[in-house]
Amino acid sequence: MEPSAGFLSQLEAFFSDCVVDPLSALIFWDVAFWDGAGDDPGVQVPLVVLWLILGATYFTLRFRFVSIRAFRHAVDCVRGRYTRPDEAGEISHFQALSAALSATVGLGNIAGVAVAVGLGGPGAVFWMILAGFLGMSSKFAECTLGQRYRIEREDGHVSGGAMHYLRDGLAEMGLGRLGKVLAVVFAVMCIGGSFGGGNMFQSNQAFAQISSDAVLPILANTEGAVLFGLVLTLLVGVVIIGGIKRIGEVASALVPLMCTVYLLCGFWILLMHAGSIGTGLLTIVTAAFSWEAGAGGFVGVLIQGFRRAAFSNEAGTGSAAIVHAAAITDQPVREGMVALLEPFVDTLIVCTMTGLVLVVTGAHTAPEAGSGIQMTSWAFATVFPWFPIVLSFTAVLFAFSTMISWSYYGEQCWAQLFGIRSILGYKAVFLIFAWLGAIFQAQAVIDFGDMMILGMAFPNLIGVMLLSGKVKADLDAYMRRLRAGEFTRYR
């Protein structure tokens, strides 16, 4: 065992030094903002976060606040009121929305919000909400394009996403060479993200939760990790072998259950602290615009909120466009409208609930609350002493749902690069990584996967911005037809 362990350590160190560190320096390259307090830059903003913010703001203005104008219609579409049974596709609007949400609603909503509040203070919650609102327009644009340029593969399954609209959409504009390069870069990054952040990290964190002292400490050993990894891998395998239809079915059952349990507990805590809700909201808003720490402090709070929202809802990375391309519809704009609900649920509802609970319970200022998921667990345990157990099992479900959705994202990109006959090989590799993630924490691989997920935003947003004129033309035409009553309501 020693030589193997030593070899793995050396391999991970080599991978980190030669791959992860250079990519990290590129993707997370910091843009400096001077805080007015000295010669040194006061705030370092990761370029990828700035890129996501600029993209989301541009789309919100370009599409004239489509997130507000189309919100009610989006809800009607999810309810199936405009879906004809003879339309092309493989899954319903609701299943597509659930599958995409299952990839984003997870540990970031539980632990990530606490990290943002711990580093930036309560004001980070305000900027998180704003970022989520802006991100709704990014989701609309990329998922509309995902539907617009989807194809039917030779095996009869639908395939769509950034790897298609970057290649085919930009080719229509005479930018075929650029489109091919961006499509390949996106696909490679998506595959890397599916193995790391969408798989190994989820498996590792799920085991850490289930084997904690509050749940099943008997599993806190190598044998327990092997057993848990095998069971989780088997469950994931049963789902992903069935393809997008089974993933959609499972996600549409899991996501509402997970969100309902978590939100009901949160609502009850807020009810128990009803007298503090007004003060908590005031604290969040005033802290968001506080200049007590100077300009650098203000920008720092803003960036923490925007950064966490970007990590949480993945708006602008292009991942959700892959699953929304499989939705049953012949109106690409309609599916884009369905997709804009994802940041609303993920960030404006779930993340906001977490942030408000942290503030009204005083967890953000309690030294004994800890940080990350421990802070969230402590806050909920002030009302529900048993909640850490529920949170652990919920975290496992969150991780599981993320894994099945990201397996589909990676699979589609893999098929684009290596052909549909190699999909089974991808699934086998994905399941091996799922098992390994529970057994040991290959931090370099996990970091690599996280970077790949955020790195997808660079090629994706370049293409979406270039294609935004087509999206706007389609949106304007769709809204005219909707106002004229040309679309039939079926329910």
Protein backbone atom coordinates (compact mmCIF):
# COMPACT_ATOMS: atom_id res chain seq x y z
CA MET A 1 0.00 0.00 0.00
CA GLU A 2 2.81 2.41 0.79
CA PRO A 3 4.29 2.47 -2.73
CA SER A 4 0.79 2.99 -4.19
CA ALA A 5 0.00 5.75 -1.75
CA GLY A 6 3.35 7.37 -2.47
CA PHE A 7 2.81 7.07 -6.20
CA LEU A 8 -0.67 8.62 -5.95
CA SER A 9 0.69 11.50 -3.91
CA GLN A 10 3.47 12.13 -6.42
CA LEU A 11 1.02 11.89 -9.33
CA GLU A 12 -1.35 14.35 -7.69
CA ALA A 13 1.49 16.74 -6.93
CA PHE A 14 2.69 16.56 -10.55
CA PHE A 15 -0.88 17.09 -11.82
CA SER A 16 -1.30 20.07 -9.51
CA ASP A 17 2.02 21.71 -10.42
CA CYS A 18 1.86 21.14 -14.17
CA VAL A 19 -1.89 21.44 -14.89
CA VAL A 20 -3.95 22.88 -12.04
CA ASP A 21 -1.72 25.77 -10.97
CA PRO A 22 -1.16 27.21 -14.48
CA LEU A 23 -4.86 26.91 -15.33
CA SER A 24 -5.82 28.44 -11.99
CA ALA A 25 -3.58 31.41 -12.68
CA LEU A 26 -5.33 31.90 -16.03
CA ILE A 27 -8.98 31.27 -15.11
CA PHE A 28 -8.83 32.95 -11.72
CA TRP A 29 -6.51 35.77 -12.82
CA ASP A 30 -7.28 38.68 -10.52
CA VAL A 31 -8.30 42.15 -11.64
CA ALA A 32 -7.17 44.65 -8.98
CA PHE A 33 -9.37 47.42 -7.58
CA TRP A 34 -7.70 50.14 -5.53
CA ASP A 35 -9.44 50.83 -2.22
CA GLY A 36 -8.06 54.35 -1.74
CA ALA A 37 -6.25 53.38 1.44
CA GLY A 38 -2.71 52.91 0.14
CA ASP A 39 -0.57 52.01 -2.83
CA ASP A 40 -1.54 48.34 -2.89
CA PRO A 41 -4.73 47.09 -4.57
CA GLY A 42 -7.42 46.60 -1.96
CA VAL A 43 -9.62 43.99 -3.68
CA GLN A 44 -8.68 41.21 -6.07
CA VAL A 45 -11.56 40.19 -8.35
CA PRO A 46 -11.25 36.87 -10.27
CA LEU A 47 -11.50 37.56 -13.98
CA VAL A 48 -14.04 34.77 -14.49
CA VAL A 49 -16.41 36.34 -11.94
CA LEU A 50 -16.07 39.75 -13.58
CA TRP A 51 -16.71 38.14 -16.96
CA LEU A 52 -19.90 36.48 -15.67
CA ILE A 53 -21.16 39.73 -14.12
CA LEU A 54 -20.54 41.73 -17.30
CA GLY A 55 -22.20 39.07 -19.43
CA ALA A 56 -25.28 38.84 -17.20
CA THR A 57 -25.65 42.63 -17.09
CA TYR A 58 -25.32 42.88 -20.87
CA PHE A 59 -28.01 40.24 -21.48
CA THR A 60 -30.38 41.79 -18.94
CA LEU A 61 -30.22 45.13 -20.76
CA ARG A 62 -30.05 43.64 -24.26
CA PHE A 63 -33.25 41.62 -23.74
CA ARG A 64 -34.98 44.44 -21.83
CA PHE A 65 -35.36 42.62 -18.52
CA VAL A 66 -36.80 39.42 -19.99
CA SER A 67 -36.58 37.89 -16.52
CA ILE A 68 -39.43 40.18 -15.43
CA ARG A 69 -41.39 40.41 -18.69
CA ALA A 70 -41.51 36.64 -19.28
CA PHE A 71 -41.62 35.35 -15.71
CA ARG A 72 -45.35 34.56 -15.56
CA HIS A 73 -45.29 32.97 -19.01
CA ALA A 74 -42.28 30.87 -17.96
CA VAL A 75 -44.26 29.46 -15.03
CA ASP A 76 -47.15 28.62 -17.37
CA CYS A 77 -44.74 26.83 -19.71
CA VAL A 78 -43.35 24.71 -16.85
CA ARG A 79 -46.91 23.75 -15.98
CA GLY A 80 -47.30 22.46 -19.55
CA ARG A 81 -49.95 24.96 -20.63
CA TYR A 82 -48.30 25.56 -24.01
CA THR A 83 -46.95 22.07 -24.76
CA ARG A 84 -48.33 20.08 -27.69
CA PRO A 85 -47.96 16.31 -27.40
CA ASP A 86 -46.53 16.04 -30.93
CA GLU A 87 -43.57 18.40 -30.38
CA ALA A 88 -40.01 17.07 -30.73
CA GLY A 89 -37.85 16.36 -27.70
CA GLU A 90 -37.27 13.78 -24.98
CA ILE A 91 -38.25 15.34 -21.64
CA SER A 92 -40.85 17.83 -20.41
CA HIS A 93 -40.20 21.46 -19.49
CA PHE A 94 -40.49 20.56 -15.82
CA GLN A 95 -38.08 17.64 -16.13
CA ALA A 96 -35.54 19.81 -17.96
CA LEU A 97 -35.85 22.50 -15.30
CA SER A 98 -35.49 19.90 -12.53
CA ALA A 99 -32.46 18.25 -14.15
CA ALA A 100 -30.72 21.60 -14.55
CA LEU A 101 -31.60 22.60 -10.99
CA SER A 102 -30.33 19.28 -9.66
CA ALA A 103 -26.90 20.22 -11.01
CA THR A 104 -26.89 23.60 -9.24
CA VAL A 105 -29.04 23.33 -6.09
CA GLY A 106 -26.72 21.64 -3.64
CA LEU A 107 -23.87 22.19 -1.25
CA GLY A 108 -23.27 25.68 -2.66
CA ASN A 109 -26.68 26.74 -1.38
CA ILE A 110 -25.98 25.33 2.07
CA ALA A 111 -22.27 25.84 2.67
CA GLY A 112 -21.43 28.38 -0.04
CA VAL A 113 -23.80 31.04 1.29
CA ALA A 114 -22.29 30.67 4.75
CA VAL A 115 -18.81 31.08 3.27
CA ALA A 116 -19.89 34.29 1.50
CA VAL A 117 -21.50 35.67 4.67
CA GLY A 118 -18.49 34.65 6.75
CA LEU A 119 -16.06 36.46 4.41
CA GLY A 120 -18.17 39.39 3.25
CA GLY A 121 -20.73 39.80 6.01
CA PRO A 122 -24.55 39.88 5.69
CA GLY A 123 -24.32 42.39 2.83
CA ALA A 124 -23.06 39.62 0.54
CA VAL A 125 -26.60 38.17 0.54
CA PHE A 126 -27.95 41.33 -1.16
CA TRP A 127 -25.41 41.18 -3.96
CA MET A 128 -26.02 37.44 -4.28
CA ILE A 129 -29.70 38.17 -4.92
CA LEU A 130 -28.84 40.84 -7.51
CA ALA A 131 -26.41 38.48 -9.24
CA GLY A 132 -29.07 35.78 -9.34
CA PHE A 133 -31.52 38.20 -10.92
CA LEU A 134 -29.02 39.23 -13.60
CA GLY A 135 -28.08 35.58 -14.18
CA MET A 136 -31.67 34.80 -15.19
CA SER A 137 -31.03 36.61 -18.49
CA SER A 138 -27.81 34.66 -19.09
CA LYS A 139 -29.70 31.38 -18.64
CA PHE A 140 -32.41 32.55 -20.99
CA ALA A 141 -29.93 33.40 -23.75
CA GLU A 142 -27.80 30.25 -23.60
CA CYS A 143 -30.74 27.84 -23.25
CA THR A 144 -32.63 29.49 -26.11
CA LEU A 145 -29.56 28.90 -28.28
CA GLY A 146 -29.27 25.34 -26.96
CA GLN A 147 -32.73 24.62 -28.36
CA ARG A 148 -32.22 26.64 -31.54
CA TYR A 149 -29.16 24.67 -32.65
CA ARG A 150 -29.96 21.23 -31.26
CA ILE A 151 -29.68 18.22 -33.54
CA GLU A 152 -31.02 14.69 -33.62
CA ARG A 153 -28.16 12.19 -33.54
CA GLU A 154 -28.06 9.03 -35.62
CA ASP A 155 -29.11 7.02 -32.53
CA GLY A 156 -32.35 9.01 -32.33
CA HIS A 157 -31.43 11.06 -29.26
CA VAL A 158 -31.41 14.85 -29.15
CA SER A 159 -28.12 16.66 -28.60
CA GLY A 160 -27.65 20.36 -27.97
CA GLY A 161 -25.73 22.89 -25.94
CA ALA A 162 -22.84 25.29 -26.30
CA MET A 163 -20.74 22.84 -28.28
CA HIS A 164 -23.41 23.02 -31.02
CA TYR A 165 -24.38 26.68 -31.04
CA LEU A 166 -20.78 27.81 -30.80
CA ARG A 167 -19.89 25.76 -33.86
CA ASP A 168 -23.04 26.05 -35.98
CA GLY A 169 -24.29 29.45 -34.83
CA LEU A 170 -21.00 31.22 -35.35
CA ALA A 171 -20.55 29.43 -38.70
CA GLU A 172 -23.77 31.12 -39.87
CA MET A 173 -22.14 34.45 -39.06
CA GLY A 174 -19.02 33.61 -41.07
CA LEU A 175 -17.03 32.81 -37.92
CA GLY A 176 -16.81 29.08 -38.44
CA ARG A 177 -13.15 28.71 -37.47
CA LEU A 178 -13.62 30.64 -34.21
CA GLY A 179 -16.78 28.66 -33.49
CA LYS A 180 -15.04 25.31 -33.88
CA VAL A 181 -12.23 26.33 -31.53
CA LEU A 182 -14.64 27.65 -28.90
CA ALA A 183 -16.81 24.53 -29.18
CA VAL A 184 -13.86 22.19 -28.60
CA VAL A 185 -12.55 24.26 -25.67
CA PHE A 186 -16.01 24.25 -24.10
CA ALA A 187 -16.44 20.49 -24.56
CA VAL A 188 -13.05 19.69 -23.03
CA MET A 189 -13.75 21.93 -20.04
CA CYS A 190 -17.20 20.45 -19.55
CA ILE A 191 -15.83 16.91 -19.52
CA GLY A 192 -13.19 17.94 -16.98
CA GLY A 193 -15.85 19.60 -14.84
CA SER A 194 -18.06 16.52 -14.98
CA PHE A 195 -15.29 14.34 -13.56
CA GLY A 196 -14.17 16.79 -10.85
CA GLY A 197 -16.64 19.32 -9.44
CA GLY A 198 -19.68 17.49 -10.81
CA ASN A 199 -18.61 14.06 -9.61
CA MET A 200 -15.61 13.44 -7.34
CA PHE A 201 -16.23 16.50 -5.16
CA GLN A 202 -19.89 15.55 -4.75
CA SER A 203 -19.07 11.95 -3.87
CA ASN A 204 -16.40 13.07 -1.39
CA GLN A 205 -18.65 15.58 0.35
CA ALA A 206 -21.57 13.13 0.47
CA PHE A 207 -19.39 10.59 2.28
CA ALA A 208 -18.07 13.25 4.65
CA GLN A 209 -21.64 14.15 5.61
CA ILE A 210 -22.99 10.64 6.01
CA SER A 211 -19.98 9.42 8.01
CA SER A 212 -19.99 12.38 10.41
CA ASP A 213 -20.36 11.88 14.16
CA ALA A 214 -23.98 13.07 14.01
CA VAL A 215 -25.10 10.49 11.43
CA LEU A 216 -23.19 7.24 10.82
CA PRO A 217 -19.74 7.49 12.41
CA ILE A 218 -19.36 3.72 11.96
CA LEU A 219 -18.61 4.44 8.29
CA ALA A 220 -15.73 6.79 9.10
CA ASN A 221 -12.99 4.42 7.94
CA THR A 222 -11.55 3.04 4.72
CA GLU A 223 -13.95 0.10 4.61
CA GLY A 224 -16.89 2.43 5.12
CA ALA A 225 -15.66 4.71 2.33
CA VAL A 226 -15.31 1.77 -0.06
CA LEU A 227 -18.80 0.51 0.81
CA PHE A 228 -20.42 3.94 0.54
CA GLY A 229 -18.62 4.61 -2.74
CA LEU A 230 -19.85 1.33 -4.22
CA VAL A 231 -23.46 1.95 -3.17
CA LEU A 232 -23.42 5.53 -4.48
CA THR A 233 -21.78 4.44 -7.74
CA LEU A 234 -24.39 1.71 -8.21
CA LEU A 235 -27.27 4.15 -7.66
CA VAL A 236 -25.76 6.72 -10.01
CA GLY A 237 -25.10 4.01 -12.60
CA VAL A 238 -28.69 2.77 -12.53
CA VAL A 239 -29.90 6.28 -13.33
CA ILE A 240 -27.38 7.43 -15.94
CA ILE A 241 -27.49 4.20 -17.94
CA GLY A 242 -31.12 5.04 -18.66
CA GLY A 243 -30.15 8.29 -20.37
CA ILE A 244 -31.74 11.73 -20.18
CA LYS A 245 -35.31 10.40 -19.81
CA ARG A 246 -34.46 8.56 -16.60
CA ILE A 247 -32.30 11.43 -15.35
CA GLY A 248 -35.23 13.79 -15.94
CA GLU A 249 -37.64 11.47 -14.13
CA VAL A 250 -35.40 11.08 -11.09
CA ALA A 251 -34.51 14.78 -10.95
CA SER A 252 -38.15 15.84 -11.22
CA ALA A 253 -38.88 13.73 -8.13
CA LEU A 254 -35.76 14.58 -6.09
CA VAL A 255 -35.45 18.33 -6.62
CA PRO A 256 -38.93 19.32 -5.40
CA LEU A 257 -38.53 17.00 -2.40
CA MET A 258 -35.11 18.36 -1.43
CA CYS A 259 -36.06 22.00 -1.88
CA THR A 260 -39.37 21.57 -0.05
CA VAL A 261 -37.80 19.97 3.03
CA TYR A 262 -35.05 22.58 3.20
CA LEU A 263 -37.32 25.56 2.60
CA LEU A 264 -40.00 24.38 5.04
CA CYS A 265 -37.39 24.16 7.79
CA GLY A 266 -36.12 27.60 6.81
CA PHE A 267 -39.61 29.11 6.82
CA TRP A 268 -40.29 27.64 10.25
CA ILE A 269 -37.08 29.17 11.62
CA LEU A 270 -38.04 32.54 10.19
CA LEU A 271 -41.48 32.15 11.74
CA MET A 272 -39.87 31.44 15.12
CA HIS A 273 -37.76 34.59 14.66
CA ALA A 274 -40.54 36.66 13.07
CA GLY A 275 -39.66 39.67 15.19
CA SER A 276 -36.11 39.67 13.82
CA ILE A 277 -36.90 39.35 10.09
CA GLY A 278 -37.26 43.11 9.56
CA THR A 279 -34.03 43.79 11.41
CA GLY A 280 -32.31 41.00 9.48
CA LEU A 281 -33.37 42.39 6.11
CA LEU A 282 -32.29 45.87 7.17
CA THR A 283 -28.91 44.46 8.25
CA ILE A 284 -28.45 42.77 4.87
CA VAL A 285 -29.28 45.90 2.89
CA THR A 286 -27.32 48.37 5.00
CA ALA A 287 -24.29 46.05 5.14
CA ALA A 288 -24.42 45.73 1.34
CA PHE A 289 -23.82 49.45 0.98
CA SER A 290 -21.58 49.96 3.99
CA TRP A 291 -18.46 52.07 3.44
CA GLU A 292 -17.09 51.62 6.95
CA ALA A 293 -14.17 49.66 5.59
CA GLY A 294 -13.67 52.05 2.67
CA ALA A 295 -14.18 51.44 -1.04
CA GLY A 296 -12.22 48.22 -0.86
CA GLY A 297 -14.50 46.88 1.86
CA PHE A 298 -17.59 47.76 -0.18
CA VAL A 299 -16.26 46.10 -3.34
CA GLY A 300 -15.18 43.09 -1.29
CA VAL A 301 -18.73 42.52 -0.01
CA LEU A 302 -20.13 42.97 -3.52
CA ILE A 303 -17.68 40.49 -5.02
CA GLN A 304 -18.33 37.85 -2.36
CA GLY A 305 -22.03 37.97 -3.18
CA PHE A 306 -21.56 37.90 -6.95
CA ARG A 307 -18.88 35.22 -6.73
CA ARG A 308 -21.01 32.87 -4.66
CA ALA A 309 -24.04 33.38 -6.90
CA ALA A 310 -21.93 32.61 -9.97
CA PHE A 311 -20.59 29.44 -8.38
CA SER A 312 -24.08 28.41 -7.28
CA ASN A 313 -26.37 28.88 -10.28
CA GLU A 314 -23.80 28.43 -13.10
CA ALA A 315 -25.57 31.10 -15.19
CA GLY A 316 -23.29 31.90 -18.11
CA THR A 317 -21.27 28.69 -18.05
CA GLY A 318 -23.48 27.03 -20.67
CA SER A 319 -24.02 23.82 -18.72
CA ALA A 320 -27.83 24.06 -18.43
CA ALA A 321 -28.22 24.58 -22.18
CA ILE A 322 -27.22 20.93 -22.68
CA VAL A 323 -30.19 19.50 -20.79
CA HIS A 324 -32.69 22.15 -21.89
CA ALA A 325 -31.92 21.24 -25.50
CA ALA A 326 -33.63 17.91 -24.85
CA ALA A 327 -36.93 19.50 -23.76
CA ILE A 328 -40.10 18.85 -25.74
CA THR A 329 -40.85 22.06 -27.65
CA ASP A 330 -40.64 23.59 -31.09
CA GLN A 331 -40.14 27.11 -29.71
CA PRO A 332 -36.52 27.69 -28.58
CA VAL A 333 -37.43 30.97 -26.85
CA ARG A 334 -40.02 29.13 -24.75
CA GLU A 335 -37.38 26.83 -23.31
CA GLY A 336 -35.13 29.81 -22.65
CA MET A 337 -37.94 31.31 -20.59
CA VAL A 338 -38.26 28.09 -18.62
CA ALA A 339 -34.53 28.14 -17.96
CA LEU A 340 -34.55 31.65 -16.53
CA LEU A 341 -36.44 30.24 -13.54
CA GLU A 342 -33.34 28.32 -12.43
CA PRO A 343 -31.36 31.23 -10.92
CA PHE A 344 -34.63 32.44 -9.39
CA VAL A 345 -35.11 29.16 -7.52
CA ASP A 346 -31.43 28.46 -6.86
CA THR A 347 -30.29 31.93 -5.79
CA LEU A 348 -33.24 34.21 -5.14
CA ILE A 349 -35.13 31.58 -3.12
CA VAL A 350 -32.82 28.88 -1.71
CA CYS A 351 -29.66 30.97 -1.22
CA THR A 352 -31.65 33.91 0.13
CA MET A 353 -33.40 31.63 2.60
CA THR A 354 -30.05 30.34 3.84
CA GLY A 355 -28.60 33.84 4.17
CA LEU A 356 -31.62 35.21 6.03
CA VAL A 357 -31.62 32.26 8.45
CA LEU A 358 -27.93 32.85 9.17
CA VAL A 359 -28.61 36.50 9.98
CA VAL A 360 -31.78 36.17 12.09
CA THR A 361 -30.30 33.36 14.20
CA GLY A 362 -27.07 35.29 14.73
CA ALA A 363 -24.99 32.46 13.28
CA HIS A 364 -22.88 34.90 11.25
CA THR A 365 -21.55 36.49 14.46
CA ALA A 366 -21.44 33.41 16.72
CA PRO A 367 -17.86 32.11 17.12
CA GLU A 368 -19.15 28.65 18.04
CA ALA A 369 -21.11 28.41 14.76
CA GLY A 370 -17.97 27.70 12.75
CA SER A 371 -17.89 28.29 9.00
CA GLY A 372 -19.31 26.81 5.83
CA ILE A 373 -21.83 24.02 6.24
CA GLN A 374 -21.14 23.96 10.00
CA MET A 375 -22.47 27.53 10.27
CA THR A 376 -25.64 26.64 8.38
CA SER A 377 -26.12 23.50 10.44
CA TRP A 378 -25.64 25.48 13.68
CA ALA A 379 -28.22 28.08 12.57
CA PHE A 380 -30.89 25.49 11.80
CA ALA A 381 -30.07 23.51 14.96
CA THR A 382 -31.02 26.53 17.10
CA VAL A 383 -34.64 25.60 16.32
CA PHE A 384 -34.32 21.99 15.20
CA PRO A 385 -31.72 20.15 17.35
CA TRP A 386 -32.03 17.16 15.02
CA PHE A 387 -31.49 19.19 11.85
CA PRO A 388 -27.77 18.30 11.41
CA ILE A 389 -28.91 14.73 10.68
CA VAL A 390 -31.51 15.89 8.16
CA LEU A 391 -28.98 18.27 6.63
CA SER A 392 -26.49 15.45 6.18
CA PHE A 393 -28.96 13.25 4.33
CA THR A 394 -30.19 16.25 2.31
CA ALA A 395 -26.59 17.04 1.36
CA VAL A 396 -26.19 13.45 0.13
CA LEU A 397 -29.30 13.79 -2.03
CA PHE A 398 -28.04 17.12 -3.34
CA ALA A 399 -24.73 15.49 -4.25
CA PHE A 400 -26.44 12.53 -5.92
CA SER A 401 -28.70 14.75 -8.02
CA THR A 402 -25.74 16.89 -9.09
CA MET A 403 -23.81 13.81 -10.18
CA ILE A 404 -26.55 12.41 -12.42
CA SER A 405 -27.06 15.74 -14.18
CA TRP A 406 -23.36 16.42 -14.68
CA SER A 407 -22.90 12.93 -16.08
CA TYR A 408 -25.27 13.94 -18.88
CA TYR A 409 -23.45 17.21 -19.49
CA GLY A 410 -20.11 15.43 -19.78
CA GLU A 411 -21.61 12.62 -21.87
CA GLN A 412 -22.96 14.99 -24.50
CA CYS A 413 -19.63 16.80 -24.82
CA TRP A 414 -17.77 13.48 -24.91
CA ALA A 415 -20.01 12.27 -27.75
CA GLN A 416 -19.35 15.49 -29.62
CA LEU A 417 -15.59 14.95 -29.47
CA PHE A 418 -15.29 11.16 -29.68
CA GLY A 419 -18.55 9.93 -31.22
CA ILE A 420 -21.71 8.36 -29.81
CA ARG A 421 -20.23 4.86 -29.80
CA SER A 422 -17.83 5.89 -27.04
CA ILE A 423 -20.58 7.08 -24.63
CA LEU A 424 -20.59 3.81 -22.69
CA GLY A 425 -16.86 4.23 -22.09
CA TYR A 426 -17.44 7.73 -20.73
CA LYS A 427 -20.09 6.45 -18.32
CA ALA A 428 -17.73 3.75 -17.08
CA VAL A 429 -14.99 6.31 -16.40
CA PHE A 430 -17.52 8.62 -14.71
CA LEU A 431 -18.61 5.82 -12.35
CA ILE A 432 -15.00 4.97 -11.51
CA PHE A 433 -14.41 8.61 -10.55
CA ALA A 434 -17.58 8.54 -8.44
CA TRP A 435 -16.22 5.58 -6.47
CA LEU A 436 -12.75 7.08 -6.12
CA GLY A 437 -14.20 10.36 -4.89
CA ALA A 438 -15.65 8.65 -1.81
CA ILE A 439 -12.45 6.78 -1.02
CA PHE A 440 -9.90 9.57 -1.19
CA GLN A 441 -9.89 13.29 -1.78
CA ALA A 442 -7.79 13.92 -4.86
CA GLN A 443 -7.75 17.65 -4.26
CA ALA A 444 -5.89 18.44 -7.46
CA VAL A 445 -8.52 16.64 -9.55
CA ILE A 446 -11.36 18.36 -7.67
CA ASP A 447 -9.73 21.79 -8.08
CA PHE A 448 -9.21 21.02 -11.75
CA GLY A 449 -12.89 20.16 -12.15
CA ASP A 450 -14.02 23.34 -10.40
CA MET A 451 -11.82 25.43 -12.67
CA MET A 452 -13.17 23.68 -15.74
CA ILE A 453 -16.79 24.44 -14.75
CA LEU A 454 -16.13 28.15 -14.32
CA GLY A 455 -13.73 28.18 -17.27
CA MET A 456 -16.62 27.11 -19.52
CA ALA A 457 -17.92 30.68 -19.17
CA PHE A 458 -15.13 32.11 -21.35
CA PRO A 459 -15.89 30.32 -24.65
CA ASN A 460 -19.61 30.18 -23.89
CA LEU A 461 -20.20 33.88 -23.26
CA ILE A 462 -18.09 34.92 -26.23
CA GLY A 463 -20.40 32.91 -28.46
CA VAL A 464 -23.65 33.89 -26.73
CA MET A 465 -22.77 37.58 -26.97
CA LEU A 466 -22.01 37.25 -30.67
CA LEU A 467 -25.28 35.37 -31.19
CA SER A 468 -27.36 37.64 -28.96
CA GLY A 469 -28.79 39.45 -31.98
CA LYS A 470 -30.43 36.21 -33.16
CA VAL A 471 -31.79 35.58 -29.65
CA LYS A 472 -33.25 39.08 -29.46
CA ALA A 473 -34.92 38.76 -32.87
CA ASP A 474 -36.46 35.44 -31.83
CA LEU A 475 -37.57 36.88 -28.48
CA ASP A 476 -39.22 39.92 -30.06
CA ALA A 477 -41.06 37.74 -32.59
CA TYR A 478 -42.19 35.33 -29.87
CA MET A 479 -43.49 38.10 -27.60
CA ARG A 480 -45.45 39.63 -30.50
CA ARG A 481 -47.11 36.29 -31.17
CA LEU A 482 -47.79 35.75 -27.49
CA ARG A 483 -49.46 39.15 -27.13
CA ALA A 484 -51.51 38.43 -30.27
CA GLY A 485 -52.78 35.19 -28.74
CA GLU A 486 -51.32 32.99 -31.47
CA PHE A 487 -50.11 30.27 -29.08
CA THR A 488 -52.72 27.72 -28.01
CA ARG A 489 -53.16 27.01 -24.31
CA TYR A 490 -53.72 23.30 -23.65
CA ARG A 491 -54.54 23.45 -19.93
